[in-house]
C-alpha atoms as a PDB file:
ATOM      1  CA  MET A   1     -88.464-211.925  53.440  1.00  0.00           C
ATOM      2  CA  ALA A   2     -84.761-212.772  53.528  1.00  0.00           C
ATOM      3  CA  ALA A   3     -82.604-211.003  56.067  1.00  0.00           C
ATOM      4  CA  ALA A   4     -80.317-208.340  54.656  1.00  0.00           C
ATOM      5  CA  ALA A   5     -76.596-208.970  54.779  1.00  0.00           C
ATOM      6  CA  LYS A   6     -75.012-207.569  57.933  1.00  0.00           C
ATOM      7  CA  PRO A   7     -72.638-204.677  57.323  1.00  0.00           C
ATOM      8  CA  ASP A   8     -68.997-205.028  58.271  1.00  0.00           C
ATOM      9  CA  ILE A   9     -69.263-203.315  61.623  1.00  0.00           C
ATOM     10  CA  GLY A  10     -65.698-203.670  62.783  1.00  0.00           C
ATOM     11  CA  HIS A  11     -64.488-203.930  66.368  1.00  0.00           C
ATOM     12  CA  THR A  12     -67.141-204.781  68.960  1.00  0.00           C
ATOM     13  CA  GLY A  13     -65.115-203.965  72.091  1.00  0.00           C
ATOM     14  CA  ALA A  14     -67.030-200.750  72.677  1.00  0.00           C
ATOM     15  CA  LEU A  15     -70.049-202.859  73.606  1.00  0.00           C
ATOM     16  CA  GLY A  16     -68.497-203.913  76.883  1.00  0.00           C
ATOM     17  CA  GLY A  17     -67.729-207.512  76.027  1.00  0.00           C
ATOM     18  CA  LEU A  18     -71.194-208.461  74.809  1.00  0.00           C
ATOM     19  CA  ASP A  19     -71.395-211.530  72.634  1.00  0.00           C
ATOM     20  CA  PRO A  20     -71.407-210.008  69.104  1.00  0.00           C
ATOM     21  CA  ALA A  21     -74.261-212.359  68.163  1.00  0.00           C
ATOM     22  CA  SER A  22     -76.472-211.217  71.041  1.00  0.00           C
ATOM     23  CA  THR A  23     -79.520-209.129  70.303  1.00  0.00           C
ATOM     24  CA  GLU A  24     -78.189-206.298  72.476  1.00  0.00           C
ATOM     25  CA  ALA A  25     -74.876-206.235  70.596  1.00  0.00           C
ATOM     26  CA  ARG A  26     -76.664-206.293  67.236  1.00  0.00           C
ATOM     27  CA  ILE A  27     -78.816-203.330  68.303  1.00  0.00           C
ATOM     28  CA  GLY A  28     -75.819-201.433  69.667  1.00  0.00           C
ATOM     29  CA  LEU A  29     -73.774-202.020  66.552  1.00  0.00           C
ATOM     30  CA  ALA A  30     -76.631-201.047  64.229  1.00  0.00           C
ATOM     31  CA  TRP A  31     -77.162-197.877  66.265  1.00  0.00           C
ATOM     32  CA  ARG A  32     -73.463-197.106  66.004  1.00  0.00           C
ATOM     33  CA  GLU A  33     -73.596-197.511  62.232  1.00  0.00           C
ATOM     34  CA  LEU A  34     -76.579-195.171  61.974  1.00  0.00           C
ATOM     35  CA  ARG A  35     -74.706-192.393  63.752  1.00  0.00           C
ATOM     36  CA  ARG A  36     -71.280-192.979  62.220  1.00  0.00           C
ATOM     37  CA  GLY A  37     -69.695-190.047  60.455  1.00  0.00           C
ATOM     38  CA  SER A  38     -69.533-191.313  56.883  1.00  0.00           C
ATOM     39  CA  ALA A  39     -73.104-192.608  56.831  1.00  0.00           C
ATOM     40  CA  GLN A  40     -74.383-189.486  58.528  1.00  0.00           C
ATOM     41  CA  GLN A  41     -72.415-187.202  56.224  1.00  0.00           C
ATOM     42  CA  ALA A  42     -73.728-188.936  53.119  1.00  0.00           C
ATOM     43  CA  MET A  43     -77.294-188.699  54.443  1.00  0.00           C
ATOM     44  CA  ARG A  44     -76.850-185.022  55.386  1.00  0.00           C
ATOM     45  CA  ASP A  45     -75.467-184.274  51.930  1.00  0.00           C
ATOM     46  CA  ARG A  46     -78.449-185.944  50.244  1.00  0.00           C
ATOM     47  CA  LEU A  47     -81.008-184.329  52.523  1.00  0.00           C
ATOM     48  CA  TYR A  48     -79.608-180.854  53.109  1.00  0.00           C
ATOM     49  CA  GLY A  49     -76.756-180.310  50.676  1.00  0.00           C
ATOM     50  CA  ASP A  50     -75.179-177.032  51.643  1.00  0.00           C
ATOM     51  CA  LEU A  51     -78.520-175.441  52.513  1.00  0.00           C
ATOM     52  CA  LEU A  52     -78.478-175.844  56.304  1.00  0.00           C
ATOM     53  CA  GLU A  53     -76.740-177.735  59.079  1.00  0.00           C
ATOM     54  CA  PRO A  54     -78.762-180.442  60.859  1.00  0.00           C
ATOM     55  CA  ALA A  55     -79.114-178.304  64.020  1.00  0.00           C
ATOM     56  CA  GLN A  56     -80.568-175.493  61.923  1.00  0.00           C
ATOM     57  CA  VAL A  57     -82.979-177.919  60.235  1.00  0.00           C
ATOM     58  CA  ASP A  58     -84.088-179.159  63.663  1.00  0.00           C
ATOM     59  CA  ALA A  59     -84.651-175.593  64.857  1.00  0.00           C
ATOM     60  CA  LEU A  60     -86.579-174.669  61.705  1.00  0.00           C
ATOM     61  CA  ASP A  61     -88.648-177.829  62.134  1.00  0.00           C
ATOM     62  CA  VAL A  62     -89.707-176.743  65.639  1.00  0.00           C
ATOM     63  CA  VAL A  63     -90.458-173.192  64.506  1.00  0.00           C
ATOM     64  CA  MET A  64     -92.591-174.513  61.647  1.00  0.00           C
ATOM     65  CA  SER A  65     -94.412-177.128  63.715  1.00  0.00           C
ATOM     66  CA  THR A  66     -95.288-174.605  66.428  1.00  0.00           C
ATOM     67  CA  GLY A  67     -96.110-171.698  64.145  1.00  0.00           C
ATOM     68  CA  GLY A  68     -93.579-169.673  66.111  1.00  0.00           C
ATOM     69  CA  CYS A  69     -92.106-170.105  69.550  1.00  0.00           C
ATOM     70  CA  ARG A  70     -90.064-168.469  72.263  1.00  0.00           C
ATOM     71  CA  MET A  71     -86.404-169.404  72.686  1.00  0.00           C
ATOM     72  CA  ALA A  72     -87.068-171.319  75.914  1.00  0.00           C
ATOM     73  CA  GLU A  73     -89.737-173.388  74.158  1.00  0.00           C
ATOM     74  CA  LEU A  74     -87.388-174.012  71.253  1.00  0.00           C
ATOM     75  CA  ALA A  75     -84.568-175.121  73.556  1.00  0.00           C
ATOM     76  CA  ASP A  76     -86.931-177.450  75.416  1.00  0.00           C
ATOM     77  CA  ALA A  77     -88.254-178.961  72.192  1.00  0.00           C
ATOM     78  CA  LEU A  78     -84.723-179.483  70.870  1.00  0.00           C
ATOM     79  CA  ARG A  79     -83.522-180.789  74.250  1.00  0.00           C
ATOM     80  CA  VAL A  80     -80.604-178.379  74.265  1.00  0.00           C
ATOM     81  CA  ASP A  81     -79.622-175.385  76.357  1.00  0.00           C
ATOM     82  CA  ARG A  82     -80.810-171.918  75.345  1.00  0.00           C
ATOM     83  CA  SER A  83     -77.414-170.798  74.044  1.00  0.00           C
ATOM     84  CA  THR A  84     -77.331-173.724  71.598  1.00  0.00           C
ATOM     85  CA  ALA A  85     -80.851-172.922  70.402  1.00  0.00           C
ATOM     86  CA  THR A  86     -79.918-169.246  70.097  1.00  0.00           C
ATOM     87  CA  ARG A  87     -76.908-170.058  67.901  1.00  0.00           C
ATOM     88  CA  ALA A  88     -79.077-172.108  65.547  1.00  0.00           C
ATOM     89  CA  ILE A  89     -81.655-169.303  65.352  1.00  0.00           C
ATOM     90  CA  ASP A  90     -78.940-166.673  64.829  1.00  0.00           C
ATOM     91  CA  ARG A  91     -77.709-168.615  61.797  1.00  0.00           C
ATOM     92  CA  LEU A  92     -81.232-169.106  60.458  1.00  0.00           C
ATOM     93  CA  ALA A  93     -81.985-165.405  60.932  1.00  0.00           C
ATOM     94  CA  ALA A  94     -78.758-164.416  59.152  1.00  0.00           C
ATOM     95  CA  ALA A  95     -79.817-166.647  56.242  1.00  0.00           C
ATOM     96  CA  GLY A  96     -83.270-165.003  56.174  1.00  0.00           C
ATOM     97  CA  MET A  97     -85.129-168.178  57.194  1.00  0.00           C
ATOM     98  CA  VAL A  98     -86.586-166.929  60.487  1.00  0.00           C
ATOM     99  CA  ALA A  99     -87.324-163.613  62.142  1.00  0.00           C
ATOM    100  CA  ARG A 100     -87.655-162.540  65.750  1.00  0.00           C
ATOM    101  CA  GLU A 101     -90.907-160.787  66.637  1.00  0.00           C
ATOM    102  CA  ASN A 102     -92.510-159.459  69.782  1.00  0.00           C
ATOM    103  CA  ALA A 103     -94.359-162.276  71.482  1.00  0.00           C
ATOM    104  CA  THR A 104     -98.116-162.016  71.398  1.00  0.00           C
ATOM    105  CA  GLY A 105     -99.435-160.625  74.670  1.00  0.00           C
ATOM    106  CA  ASP A 106     -95.994-159.827  76.072  1.00  0.00           C
ATOM    107  CA  GLY A 107     -94.162-156.759  74.842  1.00  0.00           C
ATOM    108  CA  ARG A 108     -90.920-157.907  76.474  1.00  0.00           C
ATOM    109  CA  GLY A 109     -90.942-161.435  75.091  1.00  0.00           C
ATOM    110  CA  VAL A 110     -89.604-162.499  71.713  1.00  0.00           C
ATOM    111  CA  GLN A 111     -90.755-165.340  69.544  1.00  0.00           C
ATOM    112  CA  VAL A 112     -89.175-166.821  66.461  1.00  0.00           C
ATOM    113  CA  VAL A 113     -91.261-167.280  63.309  1.00  0.00           C
ATOM    114  CA  ALA A 114     -90.437-168.594  59.862  1.00  0.00           C
ATOM    115  CA  THR A 115     -90.119-166.157  56.992  1.00  0.00           C
ATOM    116  CA  ALA A 116     -91.510-166.878  53.518  1.00  0.00           C
ATOM    117  CA  ALA A 117     -88.022-168.063  52.509  1.00  0.00           C
ATOM    118  CA  GLY A 118     -87.928-170.312  55.574  1.00  0.00           C
ATOM    119  CA  VAL A 119     -91.287-171.845  54.717  1.00  0.00           C
ATOM    120  CA  GLU A 120     -90.170-172.471  51.138  1.00  0.00           C
ATOM    121  CA  LEU A 121     -86.914-174.095  52.221  1.00  0.00           C
ATOM    122  CA  TYR A 122     -88.675-176.140  54.880  1.00  0.00           C
ATOM    123  CA  ASP A 123     -91.126-177.473  52.291  1.00  0.00           C
ATOM    124  CA  GLU A 124     -88.224-178.489  50.031  1.00  0.00           C
ATOM    125  CA  LEU A 125     -86.367-180.200  52.881  1.00  0.00           C
ATOM    126  CA  SER A 126     -89.557-181.949  54.009  1.00  0.00           C
ATOM    127  CA  GLN A 127     -90.017-183.383  50.529  1.00  0.00           C
ATOM    128  CA  ARG A 128     -86.413-184.628  50.537  1.00  0.00           C
ATOM    129  CA  ARG A 129     -86.948-186.282  53.927  1.00  0.00           C
ATOM    130  CA  ARG A 130     -90.168-187.960  52.753  1.00  0.00           C
ATOM    131  CA  THR A 131     -88.372-189.264  49.666  1.00  0.00           C
ATOM    132  CA  MET A 132     -85.548-190.643  51.817  1.00  0.00           C
ATOM    133  CA  LEU A 133     -87.934-192.237  54.298  1.00  0.00           C
ATOM    134  CA  PHE A 134     -89.973-193.965  51.605  1.00  0.00           C
ATOM    135  CA  ALA A 135     -86.783-195.215  49.937  1.00  0.00           C
ATOM    136  CA  VAL A 136     -85.396-196.571  53.216  1.00  0.00           C
ATOM    137  CA  LEU A 137     -88.686-198.269  54.111  1.00  0.00           C
ATOM    138  CA  GLU A 138     -89.586-199.626  50.674  1.00  0.00           C
ATOM    139  CA  HIS A 139     -88.520-203.169  51.573  1.00  0.00           C
ATOM    140  CA  PHE A 140     -90.662-203.244  54.715  1.00  0.00           C
ATOM    141  CA  ASP A 141     -94.292-204.328  54.443  1.00  0.00           C
ATOM    142  CA  GLU A 142     -97.033-202.385  56.239  1.00  0.00           C
ATOM    143  CA  ASP A 143     -96.967-204.600  59.342  1.00  0.00           C
ATOM    144  CA  GLU A 144     -93.184-204.294  59.606  1.00  0.00           C
ATOM    145  CA  ARG A 145     -93.345-200.513  59.253  1.00  0.00           C
ATOM    146  CA  GLY A 146     -95.973-200.335  61.993  1.00  0.00           C
ATOM    147  CA  ARG A 147     -93.910-202.543  64.285  1.00  0.00           C
ATOM    148  CA  LEU A 148     -90.748-200.555  63.524  1.00  0.00           C
ATOM    149  CA  ALA A 149     -92.545-197.300  64.371  1.00  0.00           C
ATOM    150  CA  GLU A 150     -93.769-198.758  67.657  1.00  0.00           C
ATOM    151  CA  LEU A 151     -90.313-200.066  68.555  1.00  0.00           C
ATOM    152  CA  LEU A 152     -88.577-196.799  67.664  1.00  0.00           C
ATOM    153  CA  GLU A 153     -91.061-194.854  69.789  1.00  0.00           C
ATOM    154  CA  ARG A 154     -90.320-197.199  72.686  1.00  0.00           C
ATOM    155  CA  LEU A 155     -86.582-196.806  72.056  1.00  0.00           C
ATOM    156  CA  VAL A 156     -86.869-193.016  72.230  1.00  0.00           C
ATOM    157  CA  ASP A 157     -88.877-193.346  75.433  1.00  0.00           C
ATOM    158  CA  GLY A 158     -86.201-195.636  76.901  1.00  0.00           C
ATOM    159  CA  VAL A 159     -83.423-193.221  75.955  1.00  0.00           C
ATOM    160  CA  ASP A 160     -85.394-190.345  77.502  1.00  0.00           C
ATOM    161  CA  ARG A 161     -85.960-192.302  80.708  1.00  0.00           C
ATOM    162  CA  TYR A 162     -82.278-193.249  80.873  1.00  0.00           C
ATOM    163  CA  SER A 163     -81.201-189.660  80.223  1.00  0.00           C
ATOM    164  CA  ASP A 164     -83.502-188.363  82.951  1.00  0.00           C
ATOM    165  CA  ARG A 165     -81.820-190.716  85.443  1.00  0.00           C
ATOM    166  CA  SER A 166     -78.292-189.899  84.329  1.00  0.00           C
ATOM    167  CA  PRO A 167     -76.230-187.339  86.224  1.00  0.00           C
END
């Protein structure tokens, strides 16, 4: 399979003087392009439209995957502080996507659960994400997809390990 043309990635100085042809520079520049505003905005528009913000989608994803969770669990899963998780849930609750209920077995505790509207929206967004993923991966064969998944999982692990060591 022929290599895809490299995007015009602009100035490489942010990579600390790495040789732009080095593997590390190529990875850093590709990562930068993935998170850049215009690419991210276009992807957000296609995936979410004006339905939800990405932080709200992430929060709804955790609520759906857990079947309901406490705010501390949500914050931990999202890797954010509780106030950030609370803001996302406040917005979802105001939109009727989630509800706060008494936690099972603890009258003082509160858990967040998806409403019927939240489940419906989540299903729609999940279908959009699947469509996007299949479109992005259509030019990768099965072995390449498996290797990419393995490498991305290792990348996430490396970022987590680095973050845990950072002040």
